[in-house]
C-alpha atoms as a PDB file:
ATOM      1  CA  MET A   1      26.447  70.826 -76.638  1.00  0.00           C
ATOM      2  CA  MET A   2      28.684  68.950 -75.083  1.00  0.00           C
ATOM      3  CA  LYS A   3      27.066  69.300 -71.722  1.00  0.00           C
ATOM      4  CA  ARG A   4      23.557  67.971 -73.400  1.00  0.00           C
ATOM      5  CA  ARG A   5      25.256  64.467 -75.512  1.00  0.00           C
ATOM      6  CA  CYS A   6      26.653  64.488 -71.964  1.00  0.00           C
ATOM      7  CA  ARG A   7      23.670  64.491 -69.747  1.00  0.00           C
ATOM      8  CA  MET A   8      21.625  61.762 -72.572  1.00  0.00           C
ATOM      9  CA  ARG A   9      24.542  59.863 -72.335  1.00  0.00           C
ATOM     10  CA  ILE A  10      23.803  60.051 -67.972  1.00  0.00           C
ATOM     11  CA  ARG A  11      20.238  59.133 -68.679  1.00  0.00           C
ATOM     12  CA  LYS A  12      20.903  56.584 -71.459  1.00  0.00           C
ATOM     13  CA  LYS A  13      23.446  54.979 -69.006  1.00  0.00           C
ATOM     14  CA  ILE A  14      20.572  54.840 -65.913  1.00  0.00           C
ATOM     15  CA  LYS A  15      17.962  53.479 -68.428  1.00  0.00           C
ATOM     16  CA  VAL A  16      20.421  50.493 -69.311  1.00  0.00           C
ATOM     17  CA  TRP A  17      20.551  50.275 -65.429  1.00  0.00           C
ATOM     18  CA  VAL A  18      16.817  50.422 -64.712  1.00  0.00           C
ATOM     19  CA  GLY A  19      16.564  47.743 -67.462  1.00  0.00           C
ATOM     20  CA  LEU A  20      19.113  45.182 -65.890  1.00  0.00           C
ATOM     21  CA  LEU A  21      17.864  45.469 -62.562  1.00  0.00           C
ATOM     22  CA  LEU A  22      14.348  44.785 -63.726  1.00  0.00           C
ATOM     23  CA  PHE A  23      15.463  41.944 -65.536  1.00  0.00           C
ATOM     24  CA  ILE A  24      17.169  40.483 -62.499  1.00  0.00           C
ATOM     25  CA  LEU A  25      14.332  41.016 -60.307  1.00  0.00           C
ATOM     26  CA  MET A  26      11.637  39.177 -63.282  1.00  0.00           C
ATOM     27  CA  ILE A  27      14.392  36.124 -63.395  1.00  0.00           C
ATOM     28  CA  GLY A  28      14.762  35.825 -59.368  1.00  0.00           C
ATOM     29  CA  CYS A  29      11.109  35.908 -59.247  1.00  0.00           C
ATOM     30  CA  LEU A  30      10.443  33.045 -62.011  1.00  0.00           C
ATOM     31  CA  SER A  31      13.373  31.194 -60.555  1.00  0.00           C
ATOM     32  CA  ARG A  32      11.750  31.262 -56.973  1.00  0.00           C
ATOM     33  CA  HIS A  33       8.692  29.965 -59.009  1.00  0.00           C
ATOM     34  CA  LYS A  34      10.578  27.434 -61.025  1.00  0.00           C
ATOM     35  CA  MET A  35      11.898  25.933 -57.726  1.00  0.00           C
ATOM     36  CA  VAL A  36       8.402  25.775 -55.850  1.00  0.00           C
ATOM     37  CA  SER A  37       7.503  23.650 -59.380  1.00  0.00           C
ATOM     38  CA  ILE A  38      10.758  21.351 -58.985  1.00  0.00           C
ATOM     39  CA  GLN A  39       9.989  21.077 -55.459  1.00  0.00           C
ATOM     40  CA  GLN A  40       6.486  19.521 -56.229  1.00  0.00           C
ATOM     41  CA  ASN A  41       8.101  17.459 -59.005  1.00  0.00           C
ATOM     42  CA  HIS A  42      10.657  16.088 -56.820  1.00  0.00           C
ATOM     43  CA  LYS A  43       8.291  14.854 -53.550  1.00  0.00           C
ATOM     44  CA  LYS A  44       5.844  13.524 -55.783  1.00  0.00           C
ATOM     45  CA  SER A  45       8.723  11.145 -57.076  1.00  0.00           C
ATOM     46  CA  GLN A  46       9.897  10.618 -53.324  1.00  0.00           C
ATOM     47  CA  LYS A  47       6.138   9.595 -52.549  1.00  0.00           C
ATOM     48  CA  VAL A  48       6.543   6.840 -55.418  1.00  0.00           C
ATOM     49  CA  SER A  49       9.314   6.003 -54.771  1.00  0.00           C
ATOM     50  CA  ILE A  50       9.049   5.332 -50.963  1.00  0.00           C
ATOM     51  CA  ASP A  51       5.539   3.813 -51.608  1.00  0.00           C
ATOM     52  CA  GLN A  52       6.763   1.359 -53.471  1.00  0.00           C
ATOM     53  CA  LYS A  53      10.050   0.523 -51.749  1.00  0.00           C
ATOM     54  CA  VAL A  54      10.266  -3.470 -50.232  1.00  0.00           C
ATOM     55  CA  PHE A  55      12.695  -4.911 -48.031  1.00  0.00           C
ATOM     56  CA  GLN A  56      14.242  -8.499 -48.798  1.00  0.00           C
ATOM     57  CA  THR A  57      13.705 -10.593 -45.683  1.00  0.00           C
ATOM     58  CA  PRO A  58      16.232 -13.368 -44.223  1.00  0.00           C
ATOM     59  CA  ALA A  59      15.878 -15.583 -46.797  1.00  0.00           C
ATOM     60  CA  GLY A  60      15.759 -12.888 -50.007  1.00  0.00           C
ATOM     61  CA  ARG A  61      12.156 -13.122 -50.217  1.00  0.00           C
ATOM     62  CA  LYS A  62       9.923  -9.909 -50.668  1.00  0.00           C
ATOM     63  CA  GLY A  63       8.801  -8.833 -47.707  1.00  0.00           C
ATOM     64  CA  LYS A  64       6.137  -6.376 -46.585  1.00  0.00           C
ATOM     65  CA  LYS A  65       5.689  -3.176 -47.920  1.00  0.00           C
ATOM     66  CA  ILE A  66       6.926  -0.037 -45.178  1.00  0.00           C
ATOM     67  CA  SER A  67       6.665   0.263 -42.163  1.00  0.00           C
ATOM     68  CA  GLU A  68       3.949   1.336 -40.305  1.00  0.00           C
ATOM     69  CA  LYS A  69       6.575   3.863 -38.780  1.00  0.00           C
ATOM     70  CA  LYS A  70       7.341   5.045 -42.538  1.00  0.00           C
ATOM     71  CA  GLU A  71       3.761   5.524 -43.094  1.00  0.00           C
ATOM     72  CA  LYS A  72       3.330   7.686 -40.085  1.00  0.00           C
ATOM     73  CA  GLU A  73       6.669   9.354 -40.853  1.00  0.00           C
ATOM     74  CA  GLN A  74       5.286  10.913 -43.949  1.00  0.00           C
ATOM     75  CA  ASP A  75       1.762  12.239 -42.636  1.00  0.00           C
ATOM     76  CA  GLU A  76       3.350  14.366 -40.266  1.00  0.00           C
ATOM     77  CA  ILE A  77       5.600  17.446 -41.729  1.00  0.00           C
ATOM     78  CA  ASP A  78       7.875  19.029 -39.418  1.00  0.00           C
ATOM     79  CA  LEU A  79       9.181  22.541 -40.587  1.00  0.00           C
ATOM     80  CA  THR A  80      10.881  23.322 -38.050  1.00  0.00           C
ATOM     81  CA  VAL A  81      14.335  21.508 -38.757  1.00  0.00           C
ATOM     82  CA  MET A  82      13.970  23.625 -42.083  1.00  0.00           C
ATOM     83  CA  SER A  83      15.821  26.252 -43.607  1.00  0.00           C
ATOM     84  CA  SER A  84      13.023  29.749 -43.724  1.00  0.00           C
ATOM     85  CA  THR A  85      13.431  29.326 -47.734  1.00  0.00           C
ATOM     86  CA  THR A  86      12.168  25.582 -47.953  1.00  0.00           C
ATOM     87  CA  VAL A  87       9.504  26.708 -45.096  1.00  0.00           C
ATOM     88  CA  TYR A  88       8.337  29.239 -47.074  1.00  0.00           C
ATOM     89  CA  ALA A  89       8.408  27.421 -50.627  1.00  0.00           C
ATOM     90  CA  GLU A  90       6.443  24.198 -48.228  1.00  0.00           C
ATOM     91  CA  VAL A  91       3.846  26.668 -47.086  1.00  0.00           C
ATOM     92  CA  TYR A  92       3.500  28.059 -50.677  1.00  0.00           C
ATOM     93  CA  ASN A  93       3.090  24.832 -51.731  1.00  0.00           C
ATOM     94  CA  MET A  94      -0.176  24.073 -49.129  1.00  0.00           C
ATOM     95  CA  MET A  95      -1.521  26.849 -50.071  1.00  0.00           C
ATOM     96  CA  CYS A  96      -1.718  26.124 -53.508  1.00  0.00           C
ATOM     97  CA  THR A  97      -2.156  22.214 -53.665  1.00  0.00           C
ATOM     98  CA  PRO A  98      -3.860  22.018 -50.059  1.00  0.00           C
ATOM     99  CA  GLU A  99      -4.965  18.434 -51.560  1.00  0.00           C
ATOM    100  CA  ASP A 100      -1.582  16.575 -50.714  1.00  0.00           C
ATOM    101  CA  TYR A 101      -1.374  17.916 -47.009  1.00  0.00           C
ATOM    102  CA  VAL A 102      -5.161  17.360 -45.322  1.00  0.00           C
ATOM    103  CA  GLY A 103      -4.742  15.339 -42.964  1.00  0.00           C
ATOM    104  CA  LYS A 104      -1.174  15.595 -42.067  1.00  0.00           C
ATOM    105  CA  HIS A 105       0.404  16.603 -38.361  1.00  0.00           C
ATOM    106  CA  ILE A 106       2.047  19.879 -38.984  1.00  0.00           C
ATOM    107  CA  LYS A 107       4.562  21.397 -36.999  1.00  0.00           C
ATOM    108  CA  ILE A 108       5.750  25.540 -37.987  1.00  0.00           C
ATOM    109  CA  GLU A 109       7.710  28.228 -36.393  1.00  0.00           C
ATOM    110  CA  GLY A 110       7.787  31.381 -37.451  1.00  0.00           C
ATOM    111  CA  SER A 111       5.704  35.131 -35.953  1.00  0.00           C
ATOM    112  CA  PHE A 112       2.149  35.265 -34.239  1.00  0.00           C
ATOM    113  CA  ASP A 113      -0.232  37.086 -36.018  1.00  0.00           C
ATOM    114  CA  VAL A 114      -3.816  38.126 -35.502  1.00  0.00           C
ATOM    115  CA  TYR A 115      -6.393  39.229 -37.873  1.00  0.00           C
ATOM    116  CA  LYS A 116     -10.023  40.694 -36.934  1.00  0.00           C
ATOM    117  CA  ASP A 117     -12.953  40.306 -39.634  1.00  0.00           C
ATOM    118  CA  LYS A 118     -14.507  43.681 -39.411  1.00  0.00           C
ATOM    119  CA  LYS A 119     -18.173  42.459 -40.661  1.00  0.00           C
ATOM    120  CA  THR A 120     -18.154  39.231 -38.467  1.00  0.00           C
ATOM    121  CA  GLY A 121     -16.138  40.324 -35.616  1.00  0.00           C
ATOM    122  CA  LYS A 122     -14.273  36.996 -35.915  1.00  0.00           C
ATOM    123  CA  ARG A 123     -10.410  36.385 -35.107  1.00  0.00           C
ATOM    124  CA  TYR A 124      -8.393  34.369 -37.200  1.00  0.00           C
ATOM    125  CA  PHE A 125      -4.545  33.545 -35.537  1.00  0.00           C
ATOM    126  CA  SER A 126      -1.966  32.760 -38.107  1.00  0.00           C
ATOM    127  CA  CYS A 127       2.115  31.631 -38.141  1.00  0.00           C
ATOM    128  CA  VAL A 128       3.692  33.959 -40.669  1.00  0.00           C
ATOM    129  CA  VAL A 129       6.836  32.860 -42.074  1.00  0.00           C
ATOM    130  CA  SER A 130       9.331  34.616 -44.252  1.00  0.00           C
ATOM    131  CA  ASP A 131      11.653  33.432 -47.175  1.00  0.00           C
ATOM    132  CA  ALA A 132      15.773  34.361 -46.508  1.00  0.00           C
ATOM    133  CA  THR A 133      15.802  37.611 -48.256  1.00  0.00           C
ATOM    134  CA  ALA A 134      12.176  38.700 -45.531  1.00  0.00           C
ATOM    135  CA  CYS A 135      11.163  39.948 -48.899  1.00  0.00           C
ATOM    136  CA  CYS A 136       8.269  37.252 -49.266  1.00  0.00           C
ATOM    137  CA  PHE A 137       5.433  36.279 -46.230  1.00  0.00           C
ATOM    138  CA  GLN A 138       3.363  33.329 -46.438  1.00  0.00           C
ATOM    139  CA  GLY A 139       1.009  32.424 -43.128  1.00  0.00           C
ATOM    140  CA  LEU A 140      -0.487  29.345 -41.966  1.00  0.00           C
ATOM    141  CA  GLU A 141      -4.176  29.914 -40.001  1.00  0.00           C
ATOM    142  CA  PHE A 142      -4.298  27.645 -36.653  1.00  0.00           C
ATOM    143  CA  GLU A 143      -7.488  27.088 -34.917  1.00  0.00           C
ATOM    144  CA  LEU A 144      -6.509  25.746 -30.953  1.00  0.00           C
ATOM    145  CA  LYS A 145      -8.604  22.528 -29.536  1.00  0.00           C
ATOM    146  CA  GLY A 146      -9.547  23.488 -26.606  1.00  0.00           C
ATOM    147  CA  LYS A 147     -10.865  27.162 -25.057  1.00  0.00           C
ATOM    148  CA  TYR A 148      -9.207  29.929 -25.210  1.00  0.00           C
ATOM    149  CA  ARG A 149      -9.467  33.432 -25.078  1.00  0.00           C
ATOM    150  CA  TYR A 150      -7.316  36.232 -26.934  1.00  0.00           C
ATOM    151  CA  PRO A 151      -5.370  37.788 -25.939  1.00  0.00           C
ATOM    152  CA  ASP A 152      -4.995  36.631 -22.168  1.00  0.00           C
ATOM    153  CA  ASP A 153      -4.449  32.996 -23.667  1.00  0.00           C
ATOM    154  CA  TYR A 154      -2.637  34.128 -26.583  1.00  0.00           C
ATOM    155  CA  PRO A 155       0.937  35.417 -27.607  1.00  0.00           C
ATOM    156  CA  LYS A 156       1.374  39.003 -28.030  1.00  0.00           C
ATOM    157  CA  VAL A 157       1.677  40.056 -32.081  1.00  0.00           C
ATOM    158  CA  ASN A 158       5.127  39.223 -33.625  1.00  0.00           C
ATOM    159  CA  ASP A 159       5.955  36.560 -31.203  1.00  0.00           C
ATOM    160  CA  THR A 160       7.976  33.601 -32.278  1.00  0.00           C
ATOM    161  CA  ILE A 161       5.839  30.873 -31.629  1.00  0.00           C
ATOM    162  CA  ARG A 162       5.911  27.381 -32.466  1.00  0.00           C
ATOM    163  CA  VAL A 163       2.137  25.180 -33.964  1.00  0.00           C
ATOM    164  CA  GLU A 164       1.393  22.317 -34.151  1.00  0.00           C
ATOM    165  CA  GLY A 165      -1.839  20.852 -35.502  1.00  0.00           C
ATOM    166  CA  THR A 166      -3.670  18.746 -38.100  1.00  0.00           C
ATOM    167  CA  PHE A 167      -4.166  20.218 -41.805  1.00  0.00           C
ATOM    168  CA  GLU A 168      -7.174  20.245 -43.249  1.00  0.00           C
ATOM    169  CA  THR A 169      -9.192  23.033 -45.630  1.00  0.00           C
ATOM    170  CA  TYR A 170     -12.324  24.243 -45.235  1.00  0.00           C
ATOM    171  CA  GLN A 171     -15.161  26.399 -46.757  1.00  0.00           C
ATOM    172  CA  GLU A 172     -16.178  30.189 -45.303  1.00  0.00           C
ATOM    173  CA  ASP A 173     -18.647  32.733 -47.768  1.00  0.00           C
ATOM    174  CA  GLY A 174     -17.916  30.443 -50.613  1.00  0.00           C
ATOM    175  CA  GLU A 175     -14.147  30.808 -50.403  1.00  0.00           C
ATOM    176  CA  ASN A 176     -11.792  27.740 -49.647  1.00  0.00           C
ATOM    177  CA  TYR A 177      -9.048  28.213 -46.599  1.00  0.00           C
ATOM    178  CA  CYS A 178      -6.648  26.191 -45.056  1.00  0.00           C
ATOM    179  CA  ARG A 179      -5.841  25.553 -41.412  1.00  0.00           C
ATOM    180  CA  LEU A 180      -3.983  23.720 -38.674  1.00  0.00           C
ATOM    181  CA  LYS A 181      -7.013  21.829 -36.564  1.00  0.00           C
ATOM    182  CA  ASP A 182      -6.794  21.123 -33.557  1.00  0.00           C
ATOM    183  CA  ALA A 183      -4.110  22.838 -32.798  1.00  0.00           C
ATOM    184  CA  SER A 184      -1.390  23.357 -29.956  1.00  0.00           C
ATOM    185  CA  LEU A 185       0.655  26.117 -29.357  1.00  0.00           C
ATOM    186  CA  LYS A 186       4.059  26.292 -27.573  1.00  0.00           C
END
């Protein structure tokens, strides 16, 4: 009888711990989703404040809006200088709201990967990034500028690569996709 009560207590404790663990995992996923949402809102507010920024001339009168250099910087996103979690979140944002990135010059560093469509035989190349814990992965497809042949002109799968290109969306078989066009591989 005593052994049975002890077993029941152990089972109850295990159920509590499993429930607690699942709760913590759910909170972690919600936090990550909330973080991405916060980053999106922060970016939008930054865009507005930068676009509306006006500098003062020596005479104290209002001058022109932001310089061409600042405008060019807004059209370039360098993911190679960001932390892995920020890069992952930014690529996630690109997949969720591609219209915010179309036409921007993107620099990204990650692992090389290739996918071959069995029906069409077409190969798709991507730069894959992970978050800080390496539990989640996002890939950004790229299409190199010029004539290249796989595998001769490409790195090995999982090699670290740096890709630069212009972000675009395209349709294939009725589905929307994102990629870096006219990309260069380093």
